[in-house]
Amino acid sequence: MLVTLAQTARILSAFVQSASSRYQKLSLVGKALIWFILFFYVCLAAFIVVVTPARIAQFMYDIAQDIRRLPYGYVILIGVMIVASFPPFIGHATLVNLCGFTYGVQGFFPAAIGTLAGSAIVFVTLRSMFSKRLHSWTSTNEKWQALEAVIRSRGMPLIILIRVSSFPPWVYSNSLFASIAPVSLLQFFIATWFVLPKVMVYVFVGSRIARLSDGEQRNHMDTQTKIINSLLVLGGILLSILASSLVYYSMQKEIKRLHASPSECDELAAEALEEAEEAPLLGSDSLGSL
């Protein structure tokens, strides 16, 4: 028990040091953005406390039902998911939850379509618009050349592992693969299919939350049913966290294996994966160059 607590403390300490180091390297605008985001979440928490979660949940449920009653409401959700797949937008997981919240378990179909279509469109768009920038980057960056060489040799298993990993986040994962020249659209599309089980879990959690959000349904539930639905939501969240942690652990294990490899190419590839946010299509200047 003490060993586990000590390991957790070391991990938290390393995370804080890493976060502090990254914060110090940010520009004044970047630091201001961090503080703005923190201020936003404080205001959001205060709003939830004042309005009460039950009223907010009921309001969201009513909006979801309005979308469901629209003839092509699912098209709206798919369209928003496609837009949210482009950097710097965020919220893919939330939108997947919303599909389940609106359509129940059947929401998996618009969620899957939005996930597959959005990632493919981002891949093709960024690869086409920034092809010259990508070529310029890879021709001068040894780490990125090494990463491309490793992906060529390892093929689909490594591509799938990186794709289903929780790092980098969804929207930046799309950009990361668009930055790796050896990865074809077909390979990327196939790898994205392996994300769908996680999408199904998010949809299921959203469908359970919807049942607990509607006051009328909640009033007709006995205590046992409420507990079961709450446990299903909690179980879905824990399952998602566990799966993401296992994949992330596998990803880190692969990076460590590359570091330990006698090949200089593998070592450079590992460093490129660790510094994924510096990829040519992930930088803040990429979108600014449009």
C-alpha atoms as a PDB file:
ATOM      1  CA  MET A   1       0.000   0.000   0.000  1.00  0.00           C
ATOM      2  CA  LEU A   2       2.791   2.387   0.970  1.00  0.00           C
ATOM      3  CA  VAL A   3       4.698   1.461  -2.190  1.00  0.00           C
ATOM      4  CA  THR A   4       1.622   2.242  -4.316  1.00  0.00           C
ATOM      5  CA  LEU A   5       1.150   5.593  -2.579  1.00  0.00           C
ATOM      6  CA  ALA A   6       4.831   6.407  -3.080  1.00  0.00           C
ATOM      7  CA  GLN A   7       4.601   5.544  -6.791  1.00  0.00           C
ATOM      8  CA  THR A   8       1.468   7.680  -7.148  1.00  0.00           C
ATOM      9  CA  ALA A   9       3.199  10.568  -5.396  1.00  0.00           C
ATOM     10  CA  ARG A  10       6.202  10.293  -7.743  1.00  0.00           C
ATOM     11  CA  ILE A  11       3.937  10.244 -10.800  1.00  0.00           C
ATOM     12  CA  LEU A  12       2.015  13.296  -9.562  1.00  0.00           C
ATOM     13  CA  SER A  13       5.263  15.095  -8.750  1.00  0.00           C
ATOM     14  CA  ALA A  14       6.654  14.372 -12.214  1.00  0.00           C
ATOM     15  CA  PHE A  15       3.396  15.540 -13.802  1.00  0.00           C
ATOM     16  CA  VAL A  16       3.431  18.814 -11.836  1.00  0.00           C
ATOM     17  CA  GLN A  17       7.066  19.451 -12.753  1.00  0.00           C
ATOM     18  CA  SER A  18       6.363  18.713 -16.425  1.00  0.00           C
ATOM     19  CA  ALA A  19       3.291  20.963 -16.427  1.00  0.00           C
ATOM     20  CA  SER A  20       5.220  23.753 -14.698  1.00  0.00           C
ATOM     21  CA  SER A  21       8.066  23.465 -17.211  1.00  0.00           C
ATOM     22  CA  ARG A  22       5.659  23.592 -20.161  1.00  0.00           C
ATOM     23  CA  TYR A  23       3.856  26.584 -18.630  1.00  0.00           C
ATOM     24  CA  GLN A  24       7.113  28.512 -18.227  1.00  0.00           C
ATOM     25  CA  LYS A  25       7.911  27.952 -21.897  1.00  0.00           C
ATOM     26  CA  LEU A  26       4.585  29.425 -23.041  1.00  0.00           C
ATOM     27  CA  SER A  27       4.358  32.905 -24.493  1.00  0.00           C
ATOM     28  CA  LEU A  28       2.434  35.649 -22.690  1.00  0.00           C
ATOM     29  CA  VAL A  29      -0.600  34.916 -24.872  1.00  0.00           C
ATOM     30  CA  GLY A  30      -0.347  31.191 -24.074  1.00  0.00           C
ATOM     31  CA  LYS A  31      -0.188  31.856 -20.330  1.00  0.00           C
ATOM     32  CA  ALA A  32      -3.143  34.233 -20.586  1.00  0.00           C
ATOM     33  CA  LEU A  33      -5.102  31.532 -22.427  1.00  0.00           C
ATOM     34  CA  ILE A  34      -4.374  29.015 -19.645  1.00  0.00           C
ATOM     35  CA  TRP A  35      -5.656  31.438 -17.005  1.00  0.00           C
ATOM     36  CA  PHE A  36      -8.713  32.233 -19.129  1.00  0.00           C
ATOM     37  CA  ILE A  37      -9.550  28.521 -19.380  1.00  0.00           C
ATOM     38  CA  LEU A  38      -9.158  28.096 -15.603  1.00  0.00           C
ATOM     39  CA  PHE A  39     -11.375  31.148 -15.009  1.00  0.00           C
ATOM     40  CA  PHE A  40     -13.968  29.732 -17.413  1.00  0.00           C
ATOM     41  CA  TYR A  41     -14.142  26.418 -15.555  1.00  0.00           C
ATOM     42  CA  VAL A  42     -14.424  28.183 -12.179  1.00  0.00           C
ATOM     43  CA  CYS A  43     -17.344  30.230 -13.539  1.00  0.00           C
ATOM     44  CA  LEU A  44     -18.881  27.072 -15.011  1.00  0.00           C
ATOM     45  CA  ALA A  45     -18.647  25.273 -11.664  1.00  0.00           C
ATOM     46  CA  ALA A  46     -20.243  28.258  -9.914  1.00  0.00           C
ATOM     47  CA  PHE A  47     -23.038  28.332 -12.519  1.00  0.00           C
ATOM     48  CA  ILE A  48     -23.769  24.622 -11.993  1.00  0.00           C
ATOM     49  CA  VAL A  49     -23.938  25.089  -8.225  1.00  0.00           C
ATOM     50  CA  VAL A  50     -26.285  28.096  -8.478  1.00  0.00           C
ATOM     51  CA  VAL A  51     -28.636  26.727 -11.152  1.00  0.00           C
ATOM     52  CA  THR A  52     -28.434  23.146  -9.746  1.00  0.00           C
ATOM     53  CA  PRO A  53     -27.392  20.056 -11.763  1.00  0.00           C
ATOM     54  CA  ALA A  54     -30.984  18.743 -11.953  1.00  0.00           C
ATOM     55  CA  ARG A  55     -32.294  21.845 -13.774  1.00  0.00           C
ATOM     56  CA  ILE A  56     -29.319  21.896 -16.137  1.00  0.00           C
ATOM     57  CA  ALA A  57     -29.740  18.183 -16.890  1.00  0.00           C
ATOM     58  CA  GLN A  58     -33.450  18.678 -17.613  1.00  0.00           C
ATOM     59  CA  PHE A  59     -32.681  21.617 -19.921  1.00  0.00           C
ATOM     60  CA  MET A  60     -30.101  19.544 -21.822  1.00  0.00           C
ATOM     61  CA  TYR A  61     -32.513  16.620 -22.062  1.00  0.00           C
ATOM     62  CA  ASP A  62     -35.236  18.859 -23.529  1.00  0.00           C
ATOM     63  CA  ILE A  63     -32.816  20.199 -26.160  1.00  0.00           C
ATOM     64  CA  ALA A  64     -31.737  16.636 -27.007  1.00  0.00           C
ATOM     65  CA  GLN A  65     -35.363  15.638 -27.526  1.00  0.00           C
ATOM     66  CA  ASP A  66     -35.909  18.660 -29.785  1.00  0.00           C
ATOM     67  CA  ILE A  67     -32.955  17.499 -31.911  1.00  0.00           C
ATOM     68  CA  ARG A  68     -34.322  13.957 -31.946  1.00  0.00           C
ATOM     69  CA  ARG A  69     -37.673  15.165 -33.254  1.00  0.00           C
ATOM     70  CA  LEU A  70     -36.023  16.901 -36.199  1.00  0.00           C
ATOM     71  CA  PRO A  71     -36.241  14.847 -39.441  1.00  0.00           C
ATOM     72  CA  TYR A  72     -32.479  15.016 -39.918  1.00  0.00           C
ATOM     73  CA  GLY A  73     -31.298  15.785 -36.404  1.00  0.00           C
ATOM     74  CA  TYR A  74     -28.601  13.108 -36.622  1.00  0.00           C
ATOM     75  CA  VAL A  75     -27.129  14.945 -39.643  1.00  0.00           C
ATOM     76  CA  ILE A  76     -26.625  18.007 -37.435  1.00  0.00           C
ATOM     77  CA  LEU A  77     -24.717  15.946 -34.877  1.00  0.00           C
ATOM     78  CA  ILE A  78     -22.570  14.326 -37.576  1.00  0.00           C
ATOM     79  CA  GLY A  79     -21.807  17.749 -39.086  1.00  0.00           C
ATOM     80  CA  VAL A  80     -20.786  19.190 -35.715  1.00  0.00           C
ATOM     81  CA  MET A  81     -18.580  16.141 -35.064  1.00  0.00           C
ATOM     82  CA  ILE A  82     -16.820  16.657 -38.401  1.00  0.00           C
ATOM     83  CA  VAL A  83     -16.142  20.326 -37.611  1.00  0.00           C
ATOM     84  CA  ALA A  84     -14.946  19.429 -34.094  1.00  0.00           C
ATOM     85  CA  SER A  85     -12.437  16.984 -35.605  1.00  0.00           C
ATOM     86  CA  PHE A  86     -10.385  19.899 -36.952  1.00  0.00           C
ATOM     87  CA  PRO A  87      -7.798  21.540 -34.704  1.00  0.00           C
ATOM     88  CA  PRO A  88      -7.980  23.578 -32.552  1.00  0.00           C
ATOM     89  CA  PHE A  89     -11.569  22.507 -31.773  1.00  0.00           C
ATOM     90  CA  ILE A  90     -12.209  20.068 -28.949  1.00  0.00           C
ATOM     91  CA  GLY A  91     -15.186  18.089 -27.682  1.00  0.00           C
ATOM     92  CA  HIS A  92     -15.272  14.859 -29.689  1.00  0.00           C
ATOM     93  CA  ALA A  93     -15.955  12.697 -26.608  1.00  0.00           C
ATOM     94  CA  THR A  94     -18.667  15.098 -25.430  1.00  0.00           C
ATOM     95  CA  LEU A  95     -20.375  14.960 -28.831  1.00  0.00           C
ATOM     96  CA  VAL A  96     -20.254  11.166 -28.798  1.00  0.00           C
ATOM     97  CA  ASN A  97     -21.904  11.247 -25.363  1.00  0.00           C
ATOM     98  CA  LEU A  98     -24.484  13.624 -26.822  1.00  0.00           C
ATOM     99  CA  CYS A  99     -25.331  11.097 -29.543  1.00  0.00           C
ATOM    100  CA  GLY A 100     -26.178   8.570 -26.836  1.00  0.00           C
ATOM    101  CA  PHE A 101     -27.936  11.241 -24.791  1.00  0.00           C
ATOM    102  CA  THR A 102     -30.154  12.119 -27.781  1.00  0.00           C
ATOM    103  CA  TYR A 103     -30.765   8.804 -29.533  1.00  0.00           C
ATOM    104  CA  GLY A 104     -29.983   6.225 -26.880  1.00  0.00           C
ATOM    105  CA  VAL A 105     -27.861   3.241 -27.874  1.00  0.00           C
ATOM    106  CA  GLN A 106     -28.925   3.841 -31.506  1.00  0.00           C
ATOM    107  CA  GLY A 107     -26.827   7.007 -31.273  1.00  0.00           C
ATOM    108  CA  PHE A 108     -23.827   4.783 -31.938  1.00  0.00           C
ATOM    109  CA  PHE A 109     -24.521   4.970 -35.678  1.00  0.00           C
ATOM    110  CA  PRO A 110     -24.309   8.784 -36.091  1.00  0.00           C
ATOM    111  CA  ALA A 111     -21.410   8.784 -33.597  1.00  0.00           C
ATOM    112  CA  ALA A 112     -19.509   6.174 -35.628  1.00  0.00           C
ATOM    113  CA  ILE A 113     -20.241   7.939 -38.932  1.00  0.00           C
ATOM    114  CA  GLY A 114     -19.153  11.296 -37.510  1.00  0.00           C
ATOM    115  CA  THR A 115     -16.000   9.765 -36.049  1.00  0.00           C
ATOM    116  CA  LEU A 116     -14.953   7.984 -39.243  1.00  0.00           C
ATOM    117  CA  ALA A 117     -15.984  10.759 -41.654  1.00  0.00           C
ATOM    118  CA  GLY A 118     -14.573  13.574 -39.519  1.00  0.00           C
ATOM    119  CA  SER A 119     -11.156  11.975 -39.090  1.00  0.00           C
ATOM    120  CA  ALA A 120     -10.899  11.065 -42.785  1.00  0.00           C
ATOM    121  CA  ILE A 121     -11.894  14.574 -43.920  1.00  0.00           C
ATOM    122  CA  VAL A 122      -9.368  16.164 -41.556  1.00  0.00           C
ATOM    123  CA  PHE A 123      -6.651  13.796 -42.759  1.00  0.00           C
ATOM    124  CA  VAL A 124      -7.265  14.537 -46.448  1.00  0.00           C
ATOM    125  CA  THR A 125      -7.703  18.295 -45.917  1.00  0.00           C
ATOM    126  CA  LEU A 126      -4.561  18.820 -43.853  1.00  0.00           C
ATOM    127  CA  ARG A 127      -2.466  16.455 -45.966  1.00  0.00           C
ATOM    128  CA  SER A 128      -3.518  18.334 -49.133  1.00  0.00           C
ATOM    129  CA  MET A 129      -3.228  21.885 -47.816  1.00  0.00           C
ATOM    130  CA  PHE A 130       0.081  21.441 -45.995  1.00  0.00           C
ATOM    131  CA  SER A 131       1.912  18.976 -48.261  1.00  0.00           C
ATOM    132  CA  LYS A 132       4.735  21.448 -48.966  1.00  0.00           C
ATOM    133  CA  ARG A 133       5.101  22.308 -45.288  1.00  0.00           C
ATOM    134  CA  LEU A 134       5.151  18.602 -44.432  1.00  0.00           C
ATOM    135  CA  HIS A 135       7.862  17.857 -47.006  1.00  0.00           C
ATOM    136  CA  SER A 136       9.940  20.790 -45.745  1.00  0.00           C
ATOM    137  CA  TRP A 137       9.626  19.566 -42.140  1.00  0.00           C
ATOM    138  CA  THR A 138      10.485  15.918 -42.793  1.00  0.00           C
ATOM    139  CA  SER A 139      13.473  16.783 -44.978  1.00  0.00           C
ATOM    140  CA  THR A 140      15.161  18.674 -42.117  1.00  0.00           C
ATOM    141  CA  ASN A 141      13.986  16.823 -38.980  1.00  0.00           C
ATOM    142  CA  GLU A 142      15.887  13.626 -38.168  1.00  0.00           C
ATOM    143  CA  LYS A 143      13.470  12.544 -35.437  1.00  0.00           C
ATOM    144  CA  TRP A 144      10.492  12.737 -37.760  1.00  0.00           C
ATOM    145  CA  GLN A 145      12.372  10.869 -40.488  1.00  0.00           C
ATOM    146  CA  ALA A 146      13.136   8.169 -37.923  1.00  0.00           C
ATOM    147  CA  LEU A 147       9.489   7.976 -36.854  1.00  0.00           C
ATOM    148  CA  GLU A 148       8.406   7.576 -40.469  1.00  0.00           C
ATOM    149  CA  ALA A 149      11.005   4.843 -40.999  1.00  0.00           C
ATOM    150  CA  VAL A 150       9.819   2.952 -37.894  1.00  0.00           C
ATOM    151  CA  ILE A 151       6.171   3.215 -38.978  1.00  0.00           C
ATOM    152  CA  ARG A 152       7.107   1.925 -42.439  1.00  0.00           C
ATOM    153  CA  SER A 153       8.780  -1.116 -40.881  1.00  0.00           C
ATOM    154  CA  ARG A 154       6.198  -1.823 -38.131  1.00  0.00           C
ATOM    155  CA  GLY A 155       3.132  -1.074 -40.254  1.00  0.00           C
ATOM    156  CA  MET A 156      -0.485  -1.327 -39.086  1.00  0.00           C
ATOM    157  CA  PRO A 157       0.053  -2.666 -35.515  1.00  0.00           C
ATOM    158  CA  LEU A 158       1.983   0.464 -34.493  1.00  0.00           C
ATOM    159  CA  ILE A 159      -0.414   2.756 -36.386  1.00  0.00           C
ATOM    160  CA  ILE A 160      -3.389   1.197 -34.576  1.00  0.00           C
ATOM    161  CA  LEU A 161      -1.649   1.432 -31.196  1.00  0.00           C
ATOM    162  CA  ILE A 162      -0.943   5.147 -31.666  1.00  0.00           C
ATOM    163  CA  ARG A 163      -4.467   5.741 -32.984  1.00  0.00           C
ATOM    164  CA  VAL A 164      -6.333   4.186 -30.047  1.00  0.00           C
ATOM    165  CA  SER A 165      -4.009   5.762 -27.478  1.00  0.00           C
ATOM    166  CA  SER A 166      -5.442   8.590 -25.370  1.00  0.00           C
ATOM    167  CA  PHE A 167      -2.381  10.696 -26.240  1.00  0.00           C
ATOM    168  CA  PRO A 168      -2.383  12.774 -28.258  1.00  0.00           C
ATOM    169  CA  PRO A 169      -6.071  13.752 -27.834  1.00  0.00           C
ATOM    170  CA  TRP A 170      -8.515  12.967 -30.651  1.00  0.00           C
ATOM    171  CA  VAL A 171      -8.357  16.177 -32.645  1.00  0.00           C
ATOM    172  CA  TYR A 172      -4.547  16.319 -32.491  1.00  0.00           C
ATOM    173  CA  SER A 173      -4.277  12.620 -33.285  1.00  0.00           C
ATOM    174  CA  ASN A 174      -5.992  13.377 -36.607  1.00  0.00           C
ATOM    175  CA  SER A 175      -3.385  16.038 -37.327  1.00  0.00           C
ATOM    176  CA  LEU A 176      -0.523  13.840 -36.145  1.00  0.00           C
ATOM    177  CA  PHE A 177      -1.316  11.117 -38.674  1.00  0.00           C
ATOM    178  CA  ALA A 178      -1.771  13.685 -41.440  1.00  0.00           C
ATOM    179  CA  SER A 179       1.796  14.755 -40.596  1.00  0.00           C
ATOM    180  CA  ILE A 180       3.245  11.249 -41.024  1.00  0.00           C
ATOM    181  CA  ALA A 181       3.787  10.838 -44.771  1.00  0.00           C
ATOM    182  CA  PRO A 182       4.094   6.997 -44.865  1.00  0.00           C
ATOM    183  CA  VAL A 183       0.605   6.619 -43.349  1.00  0.00           C
ATOM    184  CA  SER A 184      -1.936   6.317 -46.161  1.00  0.00           C
ATOM    185  CA  LEU A 185      -5.585   7.333 -45.927  1.00  0.00           C
ATOM    186  CA  LEU A 186      -6.620   3.655 -46.072  1.00  0.00           C
ATOM    187  CA  GLN A 187      -4.312   2.717 -43.183  1.00  0.00           C
ATOM    188  CA  PHE A 188      -5.528   5.681 -41.144  1.00  0.00           C
ATOM    189  CA  PHE A 189      -9.177   4.853 -41.870  1.00  0.00           C
ATOM    190  CA  ILE A 190      -8.740   1.201 -40.872  1.00  0.00           C
ATOM    191  CA  ALA A 191      -6.932   2.214 -37.659  1.00  0.00           C
ATOM    192  CA  THR A 192      -9.795   4.587 -36.794  1.00  0.00           C
ATOM    193  CA  TRP A 193     -12.220   1.646 -36.816  1.00  0.00           C
ATOM    194  CA  PHE A 194     -10.432   0.354 -33.725  1.00  0.00           C
ATOM    195  CA  VAL A 195     -11.606   3.486 -31.865  1.00  0.00           C
ATOM    196  CA  LEU A 196     -15.277   2.496 -32.303  1.00  0.00           C
ATOM    197  CA  PRO A 197     -15.503   0.211 -29.216  1.00  0.00           C
ATOM    198  CA  LYS A 198     -14.600   3.234 -27.088  1.00  0.00           C
ATOM    199  CA  VAL A 199     -17.196   5.257 -29.004  1.00  0.00           C
ATOM    200  CA  MET A 200     -19.793   2.607 -28.123  1.00  0.00           C
ATOM    201  CA  VAL A 201     -18.956   2.942 -24.413  1.00  0.00           C
ATOM    202  CA  TYR A 202     -19.335   6.740 -24.582  1.00  0.00           C
ATOM    203  CA  VAL A 203     -22.695   6.401 -26.356  1.00  0.00           C
ATOM    204  CA  PHE A 204     -23.912   3.917 -23.765  1.00  0.00           C
ATOM    205  CA  VAL A 205     -22.915   6.229 -20.910  1.00  0.00           C
ATOM    206  CA  GLY A 206     -24.737   9.104 -22.640  1.00  0.00           C
ATOM    207  CA  SER A 207     -27.901   6.999 -22.993  1.00  0.00           C
ATOM    208  CA  ARG A 208     -27.899   6.136 -19.280  1.00  0.00           C
ATOM    209  CA  ILE A 209     -27.304   9.763 -18.268  1.00  0.00           C
ATOM    210  CA  ALA A 210     -30.300  10.796 -20.406  1.00  0.00           C
ATOM    211  CA  ARG A 211     -32.608   8.517 -18.419  1.00  0.00           C
ATOM    212  CA  LEU A 212     -31.406  10.054 -15.165  1.00  0.00           C
ATOM    213  CA  SER A 213     -31.642  13.619 -16.533  1.00  0.00           C
ATOM    214  CA  ASP A 214     -35.351  13.623 -17.368  1.00  0.00           C
ATOM    215  CA  GLY A 215     -37.424  14.443 -14.298  1.00  0.00           C
ATOM    216  CA  GLU A 216     -40.468  12.499 -15.548  1.00  0.00           C
ATOM    217  CA  GLN A 217     -38.503   9.293 -16.171  1.00  0.00           C
ATOM    218  CA  ARG A 218     -36.627   9.743 -12.913  1.00  0.00           C
ATOM    219  CA  ASN A 219     -39.896  10.083 -10.947  1.00  0.00           C
ATOM    220  CA  HIS A 220     -41.163   6.784 -12.364  1.00  0.00           C
ATOM    221  CA  MET A 221     -37.998   4.945 -11.357  1.00  0.00           C
ATOM    222  CA  ASP A 222     -37.790   3.108  -8.083  1.00  0.00           C
ATOM    223  CA  THR A 223     -34.660   3.405  -5.975  1.00  0.00           C
ATOM    224  CA  GLN A 224     -33.222   0.148  -7.293  1.00  0.00           C
ATOM    225  CA  THR A 225     -33.574   1.260 -10.932  1.00  0.00           C
ATOM    226  CA  LYS A 226     -31.906   4.590 -10.165  1.00  0.00           C
ATOM    227  CA  ILE A 227     -29.025   2.816  -8.459  1.00  0.00           C
ATOM    228  CA  ILE A 228     -28.632   0.382 -11.374  1.00  0.00           C
ATOM    229  CA  ASN A 229     -28.572   3.226 -13.925  1.00  0.00           C
ATOM    230  CA  SER A 230     -26.082   5.182 -11.812  1.00  0.00           C
ATOM    231  CA  LEU A 231     -23.864   2.114 -11.482  1.00  0.00           C
ATOM    232  CA  LEU A 232     -24.050   1.527 -15.251  1.00  0.00           C
ATOM    233  CA  VAL A 233     -22.924   5.105 -15.873  1.00  0.00           C
ATOM    234  CA  LEU A 234     -20.103   4.767 -13.344  1.00  0.00           C
ATOM    235  CA  GLY A 235     -19.119   1.377 -14.766  1.00  0.00           C
ATOM    236  CA  GLY A 236     -19.011   2.747 -18.309  1.00  0.00           C
ATOM    237  CA  ILE A 237     -16.814   5.639 -17.220  1.00  0.00           C
ATOM    238  CA  LEU A 238     -14.471   3.333 -15.294  1.00  0.00           C
ATOM    239  CA  LEU A 239     -14.304   0.917 -18.230  1.00  0.00           C
ATOM    240  CA  SER A 240     -13.380   3.775 -20.557  1.00  0.00           C
ATOM    241  CA  ILE A 241     -10.701   5.018 -18.138  1.00  0.00           C
ATOM    242  CA  LEU A 242      -9.317   1.487 -17.697  1.00  0.00           C
ATOM    243  CA  ALA A 243      -9.176   0.845 -21.448  1.00  0.00           C
ATOM    244  CA  SER A 244      -7.528   4.220 -22.107  1.00  0.00           C
ATOM    245  CA  SER A 245      -5.005   3.578 -19.328  1.00  0.00           C
ATOM    246  CA  LEU A 246      -4.106   0.137 -20.698  1.00  0.00           C
ATOM    247  CA  VAL A 247      -3.613   1.510 -24.202  1.00  0.00           C
ATOM    248  CA  TYR A 248      -1.593   4.440 -22.869  1.00  0.00           C
ATOM    249  CA  TYR A 249       0.548   2.021 -20.863  1.00  0.00           C
ATOM    250  CA  SER A 250       1.138  -0.055 -24.006  1.00  0.00           C
ATOM    251  CA  MET A 251       2.051   3.105 -25.884  1.00  0.00           C
ATOM    252  CA  GLN A 252       4.560   4.139 -23.209  1.00  0.00           C
ATOM    253  CA  LYS A 253       5.978   0.601 -23.179  1.00  0.00           C
ATOM    254  CA  GLU A 254       6.501   0.805 -26.945  1.00  0.00           C
ATOM    255  CA  ILE A 255       8.264   4.168 -26.550  1.00  0.00           C
ATOM    256  CA  LYS A 256      10.525   2.729 -23.830  1.00  0.00           C
ATOM    257  CA  ARG A 257      11.288  -0.250 -26.051  1.00  0.00           C
ATOM    258  CA  LEU A 258      12.289   2.083 -28.857  1.00  0.00           C
ATOM    259  CA  HIS A 259      14.495   4.020 -26.447  1.00  0.00           C
ATOM    260  CA  ALA A 260      16.173   0.794 -25.345  1.00  0.00           C
ATOM    261  CA  SER A 261      16.756  -0.348 -28.916  1.00  0.00           C
ATOM    262  CA  PRO A 262      20.381  -0.230 -30.108  1.00  0.00           C
ATOM    263  CA  SER A 263      19.126   1.330 -33.331  1.00  0.00           C
ATOM    264  CA  GLU A 264      19.579   5.110 -33.437  1.00  0.00           C
ATOM    265  CA  CYS A 265      16.545   5.275 -35.720  1.00  0.00           C
ATOM    266  CA  ASP A 266      14.316   3.714 -33.037  1.00  0.00           C
ATOM    267  CA  GLU A 267      15.677   6.109 -30.411  1.00  0.00           C
ATOM    268  CA  LEU A 268      14.889   9.140 -32.560  1.00  0.00           C
ATOM    269  CA  ALA A 269      11.423   7.747 -33.353  1.00  0.00           C
ATOM    270  CA  ALA A 270      10.675   7.416 -29.633  1.00  0.00           C
ATOM    271  CA  GLU A 271      11.693  11.032 -29.087  1.00  0.00           C
ATOM    272  CA  ALA A 272       9.451  12.111 -31.986  1.00  0.00           C
ATOM    273  CA  LEU A 273       6.451  10.354 -30.396  1.00  0.00           C
ATOM    274  CA  GLU A 274       7.171  11.972 -27.035  1.00  0.00           C
ATOM    275  CA  GLU A 275       7.336  15.385 -28.722  1.00  0.00           C
ATOM    276  CA  ALA A 276       4.240  14.815 -30.877  1.00  0.00           C
ATOM    277  CA  GLU A 277       2.906  18.313 -30.194  1.00  0.00           C
ATOM    278  CA  GLU A 278       5.810  19.689 -32.252  1.00  0.00           C
ATOM    279  CA  ALA A 279       4.616  17.904 -35.406  1.00  0.00           C
ATOM    280  CA  PRO A 280       4.351  20.156 -38.474  1.00  0.00           C
ATOM    281  CA  LEU A 281       0.540  20.146 -38.559  1.00  0.00           C
ATOM    282  CA  LEU A 282       0.065  20.460 -34.789  1.00  0.00           C
ATOM    283  CA  GLY A 283       1.732  23.794 -34.264  1.00  0.00           C
ATOM    284  CA  SER A 284      -0.367  26.895 -33.716  1.00  0.00           C
ATOM    285  CA  ASP A 285       1.179  28.472 -36.813  1.00  0.00           C
ATOM    286  CA  SER A 286      -0.190  25.757 -39.072  1.00  0.00           C
ATOM    287  CA  LEU A 287      -3.711  27.106 -39.083  1.00  0.00           C
ATOM    288  CA  GLY A 288      -2.415  30.629 -39.130  1.00  0.00           C
ATOM    289  CA  SER A 289      -0.720  30.012 -42.450  1.00  0.00           C
ATOM    290  CA  LEU A 290      -4.026  29.413 -44.243  1.00  0.00           C
END
